Protein backbone atom coordinates (compact mmCIF):
# COMPACT_ATOMS: atom_id res chain seq x y z
CA MET A 1 14.38 4.75 -22.68
CA LEU A 2 15.39 3.98 -19.11
CA THR A 3 12.72 3.52 -16.49
CA CYS A 4 13.21 3.73 -12.74
CA CYS A 5 12.17 1.11 -10.21
CA VAL A 6 8.82 2.78 -9.43
CA GLU A 7 7.95 3.00 -13.13
CA GLN A 8 8.89 -0.67 -13.65
CA THR A 9 7.06 -2.01 -10.59
CA PHE A 10 3.91 0.10 -10.66
CA GLY A 11 3.61 1.11 -14.31
CA VAL A 12 3.44 4.84 -13.57
CA ALA A 13 5.18 7.60 -15.48
CA LEU A 14 7.37 9.92 -13.45
CA SER A 15 8.91 13.26 -14.36
CA ALA A 16 12.65 13.40 -15.02
CA ASP A 17 13.43 14.81 -11.56
CA GLU A 18 11.46 12.02 -9.84
CA ARG A 19 13.30 9.15 -11.56
CA CYS A 20 16.24 7.30 -10.07
CA PHE A 21 17.31 5.28 -13.16
CA SER A 22 18.86 2.84 -10.73
CA GLY A 23 18.08 -0.20 -12.83
CA ILE A 24 17.32 -2.04 -9.61
CA ARG A 25 13.99 -2.38 -7.84
CA CYS A 26 15.16 -0.74 -4.62
CA GLY A 27 16.13 2.57 -6.23
CA CYS A 28 14.01 5.67 -5.67
CA ILE A 29 11.46 4.48 -3.10
CA LEU A 30 13.51 2.00 -1.10
CA GLY A 31 16.75 3.93 -1.49
CA SER A 32 15.28 7.12 -0.01
CA MET A 33 13.97 5.58 3.22
CA SER A 34 14.93 6.90 6.63
CA THR A 35 14.70 4.66 9.70
CA VAL A 36 11.94 5.43 12.24
CA GLY A 37 12.08 2.14 14.17
CA PRO A 38 13.21 -1.50 13.88
CA GLY A 39 12.31 -2.65 10.36
CA LEU A 40 10.24 0.52 9.84
CA PHE A 41 11.12 3.35 7.47
CA ALA A 42 9.60 6.68 6.47
CA ILE A 43 9.38 8.27 3.05
CA GLY A 44 8.04 11.75 2.39
CA ASP A 45 6.49 12.99 -0.84
CA ASP A 46 7.91 10.03 -2.76
CA TRP A 47 4.74 8.03 -1.97
CA VAL A 48 2.60 10.05 -4.40
CA PRO A 49 3.58 8.01 -7.50
CA VAL A 50 2.85 4.78 -5.59
CA LEU A 51 -0.49 5.91 -4.10
CA LYS A 52 -1.92 7.75 -7.13
CA PRO A 53 -2.72 4.66 -9.28
CA LEU A 54 -4.38 2.74 -6.42
CA PRO A 55 -8.16 2.41 -6.88
CA LEU A 56 -8.79 3.36 -3.23
CA PHE A 57 -7.18 6.78 -3.75
CA GLU A 58 -8.60 7.39 -7.22
CA GLY A 59 -9.40 11.06 -7.73
CA MET A 60 -7.37 12.25 -4.74
CA SER A 61 -5.17 15.30 -5.29
CA SER A 62 -1.39 15.04 -4.98
CA ARG A 63 -1.61 17.47 -2.06
CA HIS A 64 -3.85 15.07 -0.16
CA LEU A 65 -1.80 12.02 -1.17
CA ARG A 66 1.30 13.70 0.33
CA ARG A 67 -0.51 13.87 3.68
CA ILE A 68 -1.14 10.12 3.85
CA PRO A 69 1.05 8.74 6.65
CA ALA A 70 2.75 5.86 4.80
CA LYS A 71 5.82 3.99 6.01
CA ALA A 72 7.87 1.16 4.54
CA ARG A 73 8.48 -2.03 6.48
CA ARG A 74 10.68 -5.03 5.77
CA PHE A 75 9.78 -8.61 6.60
CA GLN A 76 12.12 -11.59 6.61
CA PRO A 77 11.37 -14.90 4.84
CA GLY A 78 8.66 -16.84 6.68
CA GLU A 79 7.68 -13.87 8.85
CA ALA A 80 3.95 -13.30 9.36
CA ILE A 81 2.76 -9.95 8.01
CA VAL A 82 -0.81 -10.40 9.24
CA ARG A 83 -2.64 -13.29 10.91
CA ALA A 84 -6.25 -14.32 10.42
CA GLY A 85 -8.40 -13.04 13.28
CA ASP A 86 -6.06 -10.19 14.24
CA PRO A 87 -7.58 -6.69 14.14
CA GLY A 88 -7.29 -4.96 10.77
CA SER A 89 -4.71 -2.34 11.69
CA GLY A 90 -3.70 -1.08 8.27
CA PHE A 91 -3.32 -1.20 4.51
CA TYR A 92 -0.32 -2.86 2.86
CA MET A 93 1.15 -2.55 -0.63
CA ILE A 94 3.97 -4.85 -1.68
CA LEU A 95 6.95 -2.83 -2.92
CA ASP A 96 9.37 -5.69 -3.37
CA GLY A 97 9.19 -9.47 -2.91
CA GLU A 98 6.31 -11.93 -2.68
CA VAL A 99 3.83 -12.96 0.01
CA ARG A 100 1.55 -15.97 0.41
CA VAL A 101 -2.08 -15.44 1.37
CA ASP A 102 -3.52 -18.44 3.22
CA PRO A 103 -7.30 -18.09 3.56
CA PRO A 104 -9.07 -20.39 6.06
CA GLU A 105 -10.82 -22.06 3.11
CA GLY A 106 -9.58 -22.26 -0.43
CA ARG A 107 -6.18 -22.31 -2.07
CA PRO A 108 -3.23 -20.11 -1.12
CA VAL A 109 -2.52 -17.15 -3.40
CA VAL A 110 0.81 -15.45 -4.07
CA LEU A 111 0.92 -11.65 -4.27
CA LYS A 112 3.88 -9.72 -5.67
CA ALA A 113 5.18 -6.16 -6.06
CA GLY A 114 2.32 -3.81 -6.94
CA ASP A 115 -0.34 -5.96 -5.22
CA TYR A 116 -2.01 -4.75 -2.05
CA PHE A 117 -4.28 -5.93 0.77
CA GLY A 118 -6.11 -4.56 3.80
CA GLU A 119 -7.69 -1.47 2.23
CA MET A 120 -10.96 -2.00 4.11
CA ALA A 121 -9.01 -2.17 7.39
CA LEU A 122 -8.29 1.55 6.99
CA LEU A 123 -11.98 2.18 7.45
CA ASP A 124 -13.40 -0.54 9.69
CA GLY A 125 -10.58 -2.36 11.52
CA ALA A 126 -12.43 -5.68 11.13
CA PRO A 127 -10.46 -8.86 11.85
CA ARG A 128 -8.12 -10.17 9.16
CA SER A 129 -9.58 -12.96 7.05
CA ALA A 130 -6.32 -14.73 6.15
CA ASP A 131 -2.72 -15.32 7.18
CA ILE A 132 -0.22 -13.45 4.99
CA THR A 133 3.40 -14.54 5.14
CA ALA A 134 6.60 -13.27 3.48
CA LEU A 135 7.94 -15.85 1.00
CA GLY A 136 11.34 -14.17 0.82
CA GLU A 137 12.55 -10.80 2.02
CA VAL A 138 9.60 -8.43 1.46
CA THR A 139 9.25 -4.67 1.65
CA VAL A 140 5.76 -3.24 1.98
CA MET A 141 4.25 0.20 2.25
CA VAL A 142 2.05 0.39 5.36
CA ILE A 143 -0.66 2.91 6.14
CA ALA A 144 -1.66 2.43 9.77
CA ARG A 145 -5.37 2.68 10.52
CA ALA A 146 -4.92 4.92 13.60
CA ALA A 147 -2.76 7.47 11.73
CA PHE A 148 -5.09 7.39 8.72
CA SER A 149 -8.16 7.96 10.94
CA LYS A 150 -6.43 10.97 12.50
CA LEU A 151 -5.73 12.34 9.01
CA LEU A 152 -9.40 11.91 8.01
CA ARG A 153 -10.49 13.91 11.07
CA SER A 154 -8.15 16.77 10.16
CA GLU A 155 -8.79 16.62 6.37
CA PRO A 156 -12.48 15.82 5.77
CA GLN A 157 -12.00 16.38 2.01
CA ILE A 158 -10.00 13.14 1.92
CA ALA A 159 -12.94 11.30 3.49
CA GLN A 160 -15.26 12.77 0.84
CA VAL A 161 -13.03 11.50 -1.98
CA LEU A 162 -12.86 8.05 -0.36
CA LEU A 163 -16.65 7.93 0.02
CA ARG A 164 -17.14 8.83 -3.66
CA THR A 165 -14.63 6.17 -4.70
CA LEU A 166 -16.20 3.48 -2.51
CA ALA A 167 -19.73 4.41 -3.63
CA GLY A 168 -18.62 4.09 -7.26
CA ARG A 169 -17.09 0.68 -6.58
CA LEU A 170 -20.27 -0.46 -4.82
CA ARG A 171 -22.44 0.70 -7.73
CA ALA A 172 -20.18 -1.14 -10.18
CA ALA A 173 -20.39 -4.32 -8.06
CA GLU A 174 -24.20 -4.05 -7.89
CA LYS A 175 -24.39 -3.90 -11.71
CA GLN A 176 -22.49 -7.19 -11.92
CA PHE A 177 -25.07 -9.06 -9.84
């Protein structure tokens, strides 16, 4: 059975009308982008299959996921995606390519398609703890903190789902220690 690029990259099952069967990673998500600025692209309802399996959005309805203001952005090899100390301005999920995370202490880590970073920045905007750099050409999904905060004010049910999810994660972490 053929799988589309979203199914291959993120391990989610899509309905027949959601599949691209492109055989290449840039098919349905990256192929349906419309330009909204230099290196910045918008995608409508197509983000639901990407957002749904993320732990941060666990339990959120498809209706609410469609409201999340996500955009795609491309970075060139060697380009900084975030820098340590900069304000946490958003959440990133790697759609294609690889990035290197350079923490101030410790060894660098490579993240690839399906990995994500900056989820806490959506809520607190705290400074970034590491430099993250594109190793090759990289496409990421970005949810900007300011746009997400505006959505939470207009849709308090989304905030309630996030609070339940974060409380569950905190309880699970407490049991480990």
